[in-house]
Amino acid sequence: MRPSRPLADALAERALVLDGGLSNQLEAQGQDLSDDLWSARLLADDPGQIEAAHTAYARAGAEVLITASYQATFEGFARRGAGPAEAAALLARSVELARRAADAAPREVWVAASVGPYGAYLADGSEYRGAYGLAAGELERFHRPRVEALAAARPDVLALETVPDTDEARALLAATEGCGVPLWLSYTVAGGRTRAGQDLARAFALVAGRDDVVAVGVNCCDPREAAAAARLAVRTTGRPAVVYPNSGERWDPAAHRWTGAVTYAPDAAREWRAAGARLLGGCCRVGPADIAALAAALGSPRP
């Protein structure tokens, strides 16, 4: 069902359930995501699979669906021979596919257009390190065309996600200035700091003065870091927190596989909510069953 109110108004009433990892659900549907474009390849090759993945999360209880544009960029599509007009259409398609799944749900479901970091375009795991050696202006010029294309497709919110450092956060905030779509800013963190090792409170504080930021927080991190990060985000910014960690496993970019133990526990969402999180879900390796359990733990309206 198409929402009748802005996301910020809904967050003022209660916590909302985000979806989980899009890539793992696509893999569960039998898709090969070994291409550098990752899930974004399917925007051109098999968009129905993306809509089906969104639908799986909506049926599990997700109230916010994040688009398949995390790794979708003009530069990445150009490598595949797509010109600017085709790339812009594919970015718009990512919003349209999520919107179809959202509209088919029996309750309000919002669409968040994913704006992933520069490192996602590189496809070498550098979003988990940051500090690409690019100036903030260069990063802003990279992000702005994609932001404009996604904003033109009219999502409910932009998800500036998996941000590894403050340089990229500044660039993303500059690229979204005046775009007309509210946003959230979500860092990937390790050891209570940004992936680049910066002070997390100072990183959160970059949203000061931006009335269009509806939430600040973390994603694609160890679940055990989520509650403390949420408390810090709320204390620093006065905004609701957004929290969607991964399964607890770690991505090995050299071996192209996940390692380590699963530590994601849907019941932990109650602690995240108590810490001030109002957007709660999962990232890599968190699937529809986990989101259904999280929704149940929060007592969210049944799908």
C-alpha atoms as a PDB file:
ATOM      1  CA  MET A   1       0.000   0.000   0.000  1.00  0.00           C
ATOM      2  CA  ARG A   2       1.303   3.430  -0.903  1.00  0.00           C
ATOM      3  CA  PRO A   3       2.027   5.453   2.254  1.00  0.00           C
ATOM      4  CA  SER A   4      -0.353   8.290   3.058  1.00  0.00           C
ATOM      5  CA  ARG A   5       2.222  10.218   5.118  1.00  0.00           C
ATOM      6  CA  PRO A   6       5.921  11.004   5.081  1.00  0.00           C
ATOM      7  CA  LEU A   7       8.304   8.506   6.642  1.00  0.00           C
ATOM      8  CA  ALA A   8       9.313  11.021   9.318  1.00  0.00           C
ATOM      9  CA  ASP A   9       5.711  11.228  10.528  1.00  0.00           C
ATOM     10  CA  ALA A  10       5.482   7.457  10.813  1.00  0.00           C
ATOM     11  CA  LEU A  11       8.755   7.307  12.750  1.00  0.00           C
ATOM     12  CA  ALA A  12       7.356   9.810  15.249  1.00  0.00           C
ATOM     13  CA  GLU A  13       4.665   7.246  16.074  1.00  0.00           C
ATOM     14  CA  ARG A  14       6.609   3.977  16.291  1.00  0.00           C
ATOM     15  CA  ALA A  15       9.549   1.938  15.082  1.00  0.00           C
ATOM     16  CA  LEU A  16       9.366   0.575  11.527  1.00  0.00           C
ATOM     17  CA  VAL A  17      10.804  -2.655  10.150  1.00  0.00           C
ATOM     18  CA  LEU A  18      13.375  -2.472   7.364  1.00  0.00           C
ATOM     19  CA  ASP A  19      14.062  -5.315   4.973  1.00  0.00           C
ATOM     20  CA  GLY A  20      17.159  -7.533   4.979  1.00  0.00           C
ATOM     21  CA  GLY A  21      19.934  -8.277   2.515  1.00  0.00           C
ATOM     22  CA  LEU A  22      18.755  -8.072  -1.078  1.00  0.00           C
ATOM     23  CA  SER A  23      21.711  -9.997  -2.488  1.00  0.00           C
ATOM     24  CA  ASN A  24      21.258 -13.070  -0.284  1.00  0.00           C
ATOM     25  CA  GLN A  25      17.559 -13.245  -1.167  1.00  0.00           C
ATOM     26  CA  LEU A  26      18.410 -13.010  -4.876  1.00  0.00           C
ATOM     27  CA  GLU A  27      20.946 -15.792  -4.433  1.00  0.00           C
ATOM     28  CA  ALA A  28      18.279 -17.831  -2.657  1.00  0.00           C
ATOM     29  CA  GLN A  29      16.176 -17.308  -5.792  1.00  0.00           C
ATOM     30  CA  GLY A  30      18.989 -18.887  -7.821  1.00  0.00           C
ATOM     31  CA  GLN A  31      20.671 -15.749  -9.156  1.00  0.00           C
ATOM     32  CA  ASP A  32      24.411 -15.458  -9.857  1.00  0.00           C
ATOM     33  CA  LEU A  33      25.708 -12.167  -8.433  1.00  0.00           C
ATOM     34  CA  SER A  34      29.413 -12.619  -9.202  1.00  0.00           C
ATOM     35  CA  ASP A  35      29.369  -9.691 -11.660  1.00  0.00           C
ATOM     36  CA  ASP A  36      30.941  -6.384 -10.553  1.00  0.00           C
ATOM     37  CA  LEU A  37      27.477  -4.830 -10.708  1.00  0.00           C
ATOM     38  CA  TRP A  38      26.291  -7.348  -8.101  1.00  0.00           C
ATOM     39  CA  SER A  39      22.492  -7.207  -7.696  1.00  0.00           C
ATOM     40  CA  ALA A  40      22.314  -4.114  -9.948  1.00  0.00           C
ATOM     41  CA  ARG A  41      23.011  -6.359 -12.967  1.00  0.00           C
ATOM     42  CA  LEU A  42      19.510  -7.738 -12.656  1.00  0.00           C
ATOM     43  CA  LEU A  43      17.990  -4.289 -13.171  1.00  0.00           C
ATOM     44  CA  ALA A  44      18.800  -4.849 -16.834  1.00  0.00           C
ATOM     45  CA  ASP A  45      18.944  -8.641 -17.111  1.00  0.00           C
ATOM     46  CA  ASP A  46      16.064  -9.906 -14.970  1.00  0.00           C
ATOM     47  CA  PRO A  47      14.171  -7.162 -13.114  1.00  0.00           C
ATOM     48  CA  GLY A  48      11.408  -9.566 -12.140  1.00  0.00           C
ATOM     49  CA  GLN A  49      13.823 -11.290  -9.767  1.00  0.00           C
ATOM     50  CA  ILE A  50      14.408  -8.016  -7.939  1.00  0.00           C
ATOM     51  CA  GLU A  51      10.685  -7.376  -7.583  1.00  0.00           C
ATOM     52  CA  ALA A  52      10.250 -10.920  -6.278  1.00  0.00           C
ATOM     53  CA  ALA A  53      12.957 -10.350  -3.660  1.00  0.00           C
ATOM     54  CA  HIS A  54      11.308  -7.118  -2.518  1.00  0.00           C
ATOM     55  CA  THR A  55       7.985  -8.955  -2.337  1.00  0.00           C
ATOM     56  CA  ALA A  56       9.510 -11.660  -0.143  1.00  0.00           C
ATOM     57  CA  TYR A  57      10.565  -9.019   2.376  1.00  0.00           C
ATOM     58  CA  ALA A  58       7.232  -7.199   2.249  1.00  0.00           C
ATOM     59  CA  ARG A  59       5.472 -10.492   2.973  1.00  0.00           C
ATOM     60  CA  ALA A  60       7.874 -11.068   5.881  1.00  0.00           C
ATOM     61  CA  GLY A  61       6.766  -7.805   7.466  1.00  0.00           C
ATOM     62  CA  ALA A  62       9.203  -5.214   6.119  1.00  0.00           C
ATOM     63  CA  GLU A  63       7.701  -1.726   6.118  1.00  0.00           C
ATOM     64  CA  VAL A  64      10.592  -0.089   4.258  1.00  0.00           C
ATOM     65  CA  LEU A  65      12.101  -1.655   1.125  1.00  0.00           C
ATOM     66  CA  ILE A  66      15.604  -0.620   0.013  1.00  0.00           C
ATOM     67  CA  THR A  67      16.176  -0.521  -3.735  1.00  0.00           C
ATOM     68  CA  ALA A  68      18.695  -2.501  -5.772  1.00  0.00           C
ATOM     69  CA  SER A  69      20.754   0.621  -6.523  1.00  0.00           C
ATOM     70  CA  TYR A  70      23.517   0.161  -3.929  1.00  0.00           C
ATOM     71  CA  GLN A  71      26.038  -0.783  -6.618  1.00  0.00           C
ATOM     72  CA  ALA A  72      24.262   0.947  -9.505  1.00  0.00           C
ATOM     73  CA  THR A  73      26.220   3.879 -10.921  1.00  0.00           C
ATOM     74  CA  PHE A  74      26.579   5.663 -14.236  1.00  0.00           C
ATOM     75  CA  GLU A  75      30.217   4.586 -14.347  1.00  0.00           C
ATOM     76  CA  GLY A  76      29.428   0.961 -13.574  1.00  0.00           C
ATOM     77  CA  PHE A  77      26.707   0.752 -16.196  1.00  0.00           C
ATOM     78  CA  ALA A  78      29.032   2.417 -18.719  1.00  0.00           C
ATOM     79  CA  ARG A  79      31.402  -0.518 -18.333  1.00  0.00           C
ATOM     80  CA  ARG A  80      28.541  -2.666 -19.608  1.00  0.00           C
ATOM     81  CA  GLY A  81      27.930  -0.382 -22.566  1.00  0.00           C
ATOM     82  CA  ALA A  82      24.988   1.569 -21.157  1.00  0.00           C
ATOM     83  CA  GLY A  83      24.933   5.279 -21.958  1.00  0.00           C
ATOM     84  CA  PRO A  84      23.763   7.972 -19.537  1.00  0.00           C
ATOM     85  CA  ALA A  85      20.101   7.802 -20.575  1.00  0.00           C
ATOM     86  CA  GLU A  86      19.942   4.027 -20.187  1.00  0.00           C
ATOM     87  CA  ALA A  87      21.769   4.192 -16.857  1.00  0.00           C
ATOM     88  CA  ALA A  88      19.336   6.801 -15.555  1.00  0.00           C
ATOM     89  CA  ALA A  89      16.424   4.601 -16.652  1.00  0.00           C
ATOM     90  CA  LEU A  90      17.913   1.614 -14.810  1.00  0.00           C
ATOM     91  CA  LEU A  91      18.299   3.671 -11.650  1.00  0.00           C
ATOM     92  CA  ALA A  92      14.672   4.764 -11.955  1.00  0.00           C
ATOM     93  CA  ARG A  93      13.696   1.136 -12.492  1.00  0.00           C
ATOM     94  CA  SER A  94      15.208   0.222  -9.127  1.00  0.00           C
ATOM     95  CA  VAL A  95      12.696   2.538  -7.454  1.00  0.00           C
ATOM     96  CA  GLU A  96       9.819   1.348  -9.633  1.00  0.00           C
ATOM     97  CA  LEU A  97      10.443  -2.324  -8.773  1.00  0.00           C
ATOM     98  CA  ALA A  98      10.494  -1.656  -5.050  1.00  0.00           C
ATOM     99  CA  ARG A  99       7.396   0.526  -5.408  1.00  0.00           C
ATOM    100  CA  ARG A 100       5.468  -2.268  -7.112  1.00  0.00           C
ATOM    101  CA  ALA A 101       6.217  -4.657  -4.279  1.00  0.00           C
ATOM    102  CA  ALA A 102       5.400  -1.979  -1.713  1.00  0.00           C
ATOM    103  CA  ASP A 103       2.105  -1.040  -3.358  1.00  0.00           C
ATOM    104  CA  ALA A 104       1.019  -4.697  -3.405  1.00  0.00           C
ATOM    105  CA  ALA A 105       1.418  -5.026   0.378  1.00  0.00           C
ATOM    106  CA  PRO A 106      -1.721  -4.794   2.538  1.00  0.00           C
ATOM    107  CA  ARG A 107      -0.237  -2.030   4.717  1.00  0.00           C
ATOM    108  CA  GLU A 108       1.853   1.107   4.252  1.00  0.00           C
ATOM    109  CA  VAL A 109       5.316   0.313   2.874  1.00  0.00           C
ATOM    110  CA  TRP A 110       7.895   2.999   2.111  1.00  0.00           C
ATOM    111  CA  VAL A 111      10.634   2.854  -0.550  1.00  0.00           C
ATOM    112  CA  ALA A 112      14.206   3.848   0.266  1.00  0.00           C
ATOM    113  CA  ALA A 113      16.514   4.449  -2.701  1.00  0.00           C
ATOM    114  CA  SER A 114      19.944   3.078  -1.873  1.00  0.00           C
ATOM    115  CA  VAL A 115      22.934   5.341  -2.478  1.00  0.00           C
ATOM    116  CA  GLY A 116      25.918   3.145  -1.773  1.00  0.00           C
ATOM    117  CA  PRO A 117      29.487   4.340  -1.266  1.00  0.00           C
ATOM    118  CA  TYR A 118      32.159   4.849  -3.913  1.00  0.00           C
ATOM    119  CA  GLY A 119      33.748   1.609  -2.754  1.00  0.00           C
ATOM    120  CA  ALA A 120      30.709  -0.340  -3.941  1.00  0.00           C
ATOM    121  CA  TYR A 121      31.414   0.840  -7.494  1.00  0.00           C
ATOM    122  CA  LEU A 122      35.001  -0.375  -7.147  1.00  0.00           C
ATOM    123  CA  ALA A 123      33.678  -3.828  -6.149  1.00  0.00           C
ATOM    124  CA  ASP A 124      36.831  -4.622  -4.183  1.00  0.00           C
ATOM    125  CA  GLY A 125      35.586  -4.391  -0.612  1.00  0.00           C
ATOM    126  CA  SER A 126      36.964  -0.880  -0.118  1.00  0.00           C
ATOM    127  CA  GLU A 127      33.666   0.314   1.364  1.00  0.00           C
ATOM    128  CA  TYR A 128      34.896  -1.530   4.458  1.00  0.00           C
ATOM    129  CA  ARG A 129      38.026   0.600   4.541  1.00  0.00           C
ATOM    130  CA  GLY A 130      37.160   4.035   3.149  1.00  0.00           C
ATOM    131  CA  ALA A 131      39.871   6.624   2.579  1.00  0.00           C
ATOM    132  CA  TYR A 132      39.889   6.104  -1.193  1.00  0.00           C
ATOM    133  CA  GLY A 133      42.385   8.885  -1.807  1.00  0.00           C
ATOM    134  CA  LEU A 134      39.760  11.084  -3.463  1.00  0.00           C
ATOM    135  CA  ALA A 135      38.904  14.623  -2.391  1.00  0.00           C
ATOM    136  CA  ALA A 136      35.410  15.344  -1.100  1.00  0.00           C
ATOM    137  CA  GLY A 137      34.680  17.309  -4.280  1.00  0.00           C
ATOM    138  CA  GLU A 138      35.563  14.331  -6.444  1.00  0.00           C
ATOM    139  CA  LEU A 139      33.300  12.091  -4.405  1.00  0.00           C
ATOM    140  CA  GLU A 140      30.494  14.617  -4.623  1.00  0.00           C
ATOM    141  CA  ARG A 141      30.811  14.745  -8.425  1.00  0.00           C
ATOM    142  CA  PHE A 142      30.645  10.943  -8.500  1.00  0.00           C
ATOM    143  CA  HIS A 143      27.517  10.737  -6.361  1.00  0.00           C
ATOM    144  CA  ARG A 144      25.493  13.706  -7.593  1.00  0.00           C
ATOM    145  CA  PRO A 145      24.237  12.317 -10.959  1.00  0.00           C
ATOM    146  CA  ARG A 146      23.041   9.114  -9.300  1.00  0.00           C
ATOM    147  CA  VAL A 147      21.346  11.047  -6.497  1.00  0.00           C
ATOM    148  CA  GLU A 148      19.572  13.221  -9.057  1.00  0.00           C
ATOM    149  CA  ALA A 149      18.402  10.200 -11.071  1.00  0.00           C
ATOM    150  CA  LEU A 150      17.106   8.409  -7.989  1.00  0.00           C
ATOM    151  CA  ALA A 151      15.428  11.512  -6.580  1.00  0.00           C
ATOM    152  CA  ALA A 152      13.664  12.052  -9.903  1.00  0.00           C
ATOM    153  CA  ALA A 153      12.097   8.584  -9.519  1.00  0.00           C
ATOM    154  CA  ARG A 154      10.409   9.853  -6.319  1.00  0.00           C
ATOM    155  CA  PRO A 155      11.313   7.371  -3.614  1.00  0.00           C
ATOM    156  CA  ASP A 156      10.078   8.112  -0.117  1.00  0.00           C
ATOM    157  CA  VAL A 157      13.616   8.503   1.225  1.00  0.00           C
ATOM    158  CA  LEU A 158      17.241   8.213   0.117  1.00  0.00           C
ATOM    159  CA  ALA A 159      19.353   5.715   2.051  1.00  0.00           C
ATOM    160  CA  LEU A 160      22.949   6.990   2.176  1.00  0.00           C
ATOM    161  CA  GLU A 161      24.256   3.678   3.412  1.00  0.00           C
ATOM    162  CA  THR A 162      27.383   1.707   4.247  1.00  0.00           C
ATOM    163  CA  VAL A 163      29.351   4.961   4.449  1.00  0.00           C
ATOM    164  CA  PRO A 164      32.890   4.170   5.642  1.00  0.00           C
ATOM    165  CA  ASP A 165      34.237   7.607   6.554  1.00  0.00           C
ATOM    166  CA  THR A 166      33.432  11.256   7.108  1.00  0.00           C
ATOM    167  CA  ASP A 167      34.908  12.383   3.773  1.00  0.00           C
ATOM    168  CA  GLU A 168      32.308  10.367   1.917  1.00  0.00           C
ATOM    169  CA  ALA A 169      29.554  11.411   4.326  1.00  0.00           C
ATOM    170  CA  ARG A 170      30.320  15.064   3.606  1.00  0.00           C
ATOM    171  CA  ALA A 171      30.288  14.371  -0.132  1.00  0.00           C
ATOM    172  CA  LEU A 172      26.970  12.549   0.046  1.00  0.00           C
ATOM    173  CA  LEU A 173      25.379  15.254   2.151  1.00  0.00           C
ATOM    174  CA  ALA A 174      26.568  17.868  -0.343  1.00  0.00           C
ATOM    175  CA  ALA A 175      25.298  15.814  -3.296  1.00  0.00           C
ATOM    176  CA  THR A 176      21.840  15.501  -1.724  1.00  0.00           C
ATOM    177  CA  GLU A 177      21.488  19.162  -0.729  1.00  0.00           C
ATOM    178  CA  GLY A 178      18.235  20.465  -2.136  1.00  0.00           C
ATOM    179  CA  CYS A 179      17.287  17.209  -3.889  1.00  0.00           C
ATOM    180  CA  GLY A 180      13.764  17.360  -2.477  1.00  0.00           C
ATOM    181  CA  VAL A 181      13.800  13.869  -0.939  1.00  0.00           C
ATOM    182  CA  PRO A 182      14.410  13.175   2.771  1.00  0.00           C
ATOM    183  CA  LEU A 183      17.302  10.901   3.657  1.00  0.00           C
ATOM    184  CA  TRP A 184      18.998   8.807   6.254  1.00  0.00           C
ATOM    185  CA  LEU A 185      22.750   8.531   6.798  1.00  0.00           C
ATOM    186  CA  SER A 186      24.148   5.177   7.863  1.00  0.00           C
ATOM    187  CA  TYR A 187      27.790   4.363   8.539  1.00  0.00           C
ATOM    188  CA  THR A 188      29.484   0.996   8.516  1.00  0.00           C
ATOM    189  CA  VAL A 189      31.530   0.757  11.685  1.00  0.00           C
ATOM    190  CA  ALA A 190      34.018  -1.406  13.551  1.00  0.00           C
ATOM    191  CA  GLY A 191      35.132  -1.103  17.154  1.00  0.00           C
ATOM    192  CA  GLY A 192      32.846   1.852  17.813  1.00  0.00           C
ATOM    193  CA  ARG A 193      34.424   3.988  15.091  1.00  0.00           C
ATOM    194  CA  THR A 194      33.888   4.471  11.366  1.00  0.00           C
ATOM    195  CA  ARG A 195      35.559   1.876   9.184  1.00  0.00           C
ATOM    196  CA  ALA A 196      38.246   4.462   8.472  1.00  0.00           C
ATOM    197  CA  GLY A 197      38.863   4.734  12.228  1.00  0.00           C
ATOM    198  CA  GLN A 198      37.216   8.121  12.845  1.00  0.00           C
ATOM    199  CA  ASP A 199      35.327   9.226  15.931  1.00  0.00           C
ATOM    200  CA  LEU A 200      31.733   8.096  15.475  1.00  0.00           C
ATOM    201  CA  ALA A 201      30.092  10.949  17.388  1.00  0.00           C
ATOM    202  CA  ARG A 202      31.803  13.477  15.119  1.00  0.00           C
ATOM    203  CA  ALA A 203      30.732  11.447  12.116  1.00  0.00           C
ATOM    204  CA  PHE A 204      27.088  11.500  13.222  1.00  0.00           C
ATOM    205  CA  ALA A 205      27.298  15.218  13.977  1.00  0.00           C
ATOM    206  CA  LEU A 206      27.803  16.025  10.282  1.00  0.00           C
ATOM    207  CA  VAL A 207      24.020  16.058   9.829  1.00  0.00           C
ATOM    208  CA  ALA A 208      23.656  19.149  12.039  1.00  0.00           C
ATOM    209  CA  GLY A 209      21.571  21.775  10.280  1.00  0.00           C
ATOM    210  CA  ARG A 210      20.016  19.321   7.813  1.00  0.00           C
ATOM    211  CA  ASP A 211      16.273  19.199   8.430  1.00  0.00           C
ATOM    212  CA  ASP A 212      15.863  16.644   5.648  1.00  0.00           C
ATOM    213  CA  VAL A 213      17.713  13.912   7.584  1.00  0.00           C
ATOM    214  CA  VAL A 214      15.106  11.620   9.165  1.00  0.00           C
ATOM    215  CA  ALA A 215      17.505   9.172  10.841  1.00  0.00           C
ATOM    216  CA  VAL A 216      21.193   8.515  11.467  1.00  0.00           C
ATOM    217  CA  GLY A 217      22.872   5.253  12.366  1.00  0.00           C
ATOM    218  CA  VAL A 218      24.737   2.162  11.210  1.00  0.00           C
ATOM    219  CA  ASN A 219      24.418  -0.758   8.830  1.00  0.00           C
ATOM    220  CA  CYS A 220      26.480  -3.670   7.505  1.00  0.00           C
ATOM    221  CA  CYS A 221      28.303  -3.999  10.813  1.00  0.00           C
ATOM    222  CA  ASP A 222      28.545  -6.540  13.611  1.00  0.00           C
ATOM    223  CA  PRO A 223      25.125  -6.768  15.311  1.00  0.00           C
ATOM    224  CA  ARG A 224      26.831  -6.419  18.687  1.00  0.00           C
ATOM    225  CA  GLU A 225      27.756  -2.821  17.803  1.00  0.00           C
ATOM    226  CA  ALA A 226      24.210  -1.764  16.959  1.00  0.00           C
ATOM    227  CA  ALA A 227      22.762  -0.745  20.327  1.00  0.00           C
ATOM    228  CA  ALA A 228      25.709   1.414  21.399  1.00  0.00           C
ATOM    229  CA  ALA A 229      25.819   3.088  17.990  1.00  0.00           C
ATOM    230  CA  ALA A 230      22.090   3.810  18.139  1.00  0.00           C
ATOM    231  CA  ARG A 231      22.397   5.438  21.546  1.00  0.00           C
ATOM    232  CA  LEU A 232      25.310   7.551  20.354  1.00  0.00           C
ATOM    233  CA  ALA A 233      23.493   8.604  17.182  1.00  0.00           C
ATOM    234  CA  VAL A 234      20.416   9.743  19.093  1.00  0.00           C
ATOM    235  CA  ARG A 235      22.450  11.514  21.768  1.00  0.00           C
ATOM    236  CA  THR A 236      24.601  13.296  19.197  1.00  0.00           C
ATOM    237  CA  THR A 237      21.953  14.326  16.678  1.00  0.00           C
ATOM    238  CA  GLY A 238      18.585  14.272  18.407  1.00  0.00           C
ATOM    239  CA  ARG A 239      17.282  12.234  15.442  1.00  0.00           C
ATOM    240  CA  PRO A 240      15.909   8.703  15.459  1.00  0.00           C
ATOM    241  CA  ALA A 241      18.492   6.013  14.833  1.00  0.00           C
ATOM    242  CA  VAL A 242      18.546   3.604  11.908  1.00  0.00           C
ATOM    243  CA  VAL A 243      20.085   0.182  12.572  1.00  0.00           C
ATOM    244  CA  TYR A 244      20.470  -2.712  10.144  1.00  0.00           C
ATOM    245  CA  PRO A 245      23.558  -4.816  10.827  1.00  0.00           C
ATOM    246  CA  ASN A 246      24.690  -7.817   8.838  1.00  0.00           C
ATOM    247  CA  SER A 247      24.623 -11.417  10.040  1.00  0.00           C
ATOM    248  CA  GLY A 248      27.829 -11.007  12.027  1.00  0.00           C
ATOM    249  CA  GLU A 249      29.880 -12.844   9.411  1.00  0.00           C
ATOM    250  CA  ARG A 250      32.747 -10.979   7.752  1.00  0.00           C
ATOM    251  CA  TRP A 251      33.238 -10.480   4.023  1.00  0.00           C
ATOM    252  CA  ASP A 252      36.610 -11.596   2.665  1.00  0.00           C
ATOM    253  CA  PRO A 253      37.067  -9.550  -0.543  1.00  0.00           C
ATOM    254  CA  ALA A 254      40.074 -11.582  -1.649  1.00  0.00           C
ATOM    255  CA  ALA A 255      38.311 -14.930  -1.358  1.00  0.00           C
ATOM    256  CA  HIS A 256      34.901 -13.471  -2.268  1.00  0.00           C
ATOM    257  CA  ARG A 257      33.147 -15.254   0.569  1.00  0.00           C
ATOM    258  CA  TRP A 258      31.726 -14.728   4.035  1.00  0.00           C
ATOM    259  CA  THR A 259      33.572 -16.092   7.051  1.00  0.00           C
ATOM    260  CA  GLY A 260      32.925 -16.347  10.787  1.00  0.00           C
ATOM    261  CA  ALA A 261      29.877 -17.049  12.905  1.00  0.00           C
ATOM    262  CA  VAL A 262      26.333 -15.735  12.646  1.00  0.00           C
ATOM    263  CA  THR A 263      25.563 -13.443  15.590  1.00  0.00           C
ATOM    264  CA  TYR A 264      22.418 -11.725  14.277  1.00  0.00           C
ATOM    265  CA  ALA A 265      19.541 -12.267  16.709  1.00  0.00           C
ATOM    266  CA  PRO A 266      16.160 -10.751  15.748  1.00  0.00           C
ATOM    267  CA  ASP A 267      15.207 -10.443  19.426  1.00  0.00           C
ATOM    268  CA  ALA A 268      18.023  -7.899  19.818  1.00  0.00           C
ATOM    269  CA  ALA A 269      15.766  -5.455  17.984  1.00  0.00           C
ATOM    270  CA  ARG A 270      14.033  -4.755  21.288  1.00  0.00           C
ATOM    271  CA  GLU A 271      17.348  -3.469  22.683  1.00  0.00           C
ATOM    272  CA  TRP A 272      17.967  -1.433  19.539  1.00  0.00           C
ATOM    273  CA  ARG A 273      14.536   0.141  19.856  1.00  0.00           C
ATOM    274  CA  ALA A 274      15.169   0.928  23.527  1.00  0.00           C
ATOM    275  CA  ALA A 275      18.411   2.620  22.426  1.00  0.00           C
ATOM    276  CA  GLY A 276      16.467   4.961  20.142  1.00  0.00           C
ATOM    277  CA  ALA A 277      16.337   3.075  16.841  1.00  0.00           C
ATOM    278  CA  ARG A 278      13.175   3.694  14.826  1.00  0.00           C
ATOM    279  CA  LEU A 279      14.255   1.985  11.580  1.00  0.00           C
ATOM    280  CA  LEU A 280      15.371  -1.581  12.301  1.00  0.00           C
ATOM    281  CA  GLY A 281      16.266  -4.425   9.971  1.00  0.00           C
ATOM    282  CA  GLY A 282      19.191  -6.341   8.561  1.00  0.00           C
ATOM    283  CA  CYS A 283      21.863  -6.136   5.916  1.00  0.00           C
ATOM    284  CA  CYS A 284      24.030  -8.807   4.273  1.00  0.00           C
ATOM    285  CA  ARG A 285      23.052 -12.421   5.002  1.00  0.00           C
ATOM    286  CA  VAL A 286      19.911 -11.437   6.892  1.00  0.00           C
ATOM    287  CA  GLY A 287      16.907 -12.936   5.114  1.00  0.00           C
ATOM    288  CA  PRO A 288      13.103 -12.793   5.136  1.00  0.00           C
ATOM    289  CA  ALA A 289      12.798 -15.308   7.984  1.00  0.00           C
ATOM    290  CA  ASP A 290      15.007 -13.087  10.153  1.00  0.00           C
ATOM    291  CA  ILE A 291      12.942 -10.015   9.272  1.00  0.00           C
ATOM    292  CA  ALA A 292       9.717 -11.855  10.093  1.00  0.00           C
ATOM    293  CA  ALA A 293      11.179 -12.772  13.486  1.00  0.00           C
ATOM    294  CA  LEU A 294      12.342  -9.193  14.054  1.00  0.00           C
ATOM    295  CA  ALA A 295       8.881  -7.854  13.198  1.00  0.00           C
ATOM    296  CA  ALA A 296       7.349 -10.300  15.656  1.00  0.00           C
ATOM    297  CA  ALA A 297       9.822  -9.282  18.368  1.00  0.00           C
ATOM    298  CA  LEU A 298       8.842  -5.634  17.896  1.00  0.00           C
ATOM    299  CA  GLY A 299       5.128  -6.430  17.825  1.00  0.00           C
ATOM    300  CA  SER A 300       4.781  -4.779  14.424  1.00  0.00           C
ATOM    301  CA  PRO A 301       1.473  -5.060  12.583  1.00  0.00           C
ATOM    302  CA  ARG A 302       1.190  -8.432  10.882  1.00  0.00           C
ATOM    303  CA  PRO A 303       1.674  -8.553   7.106  1.00  0.00           C
END
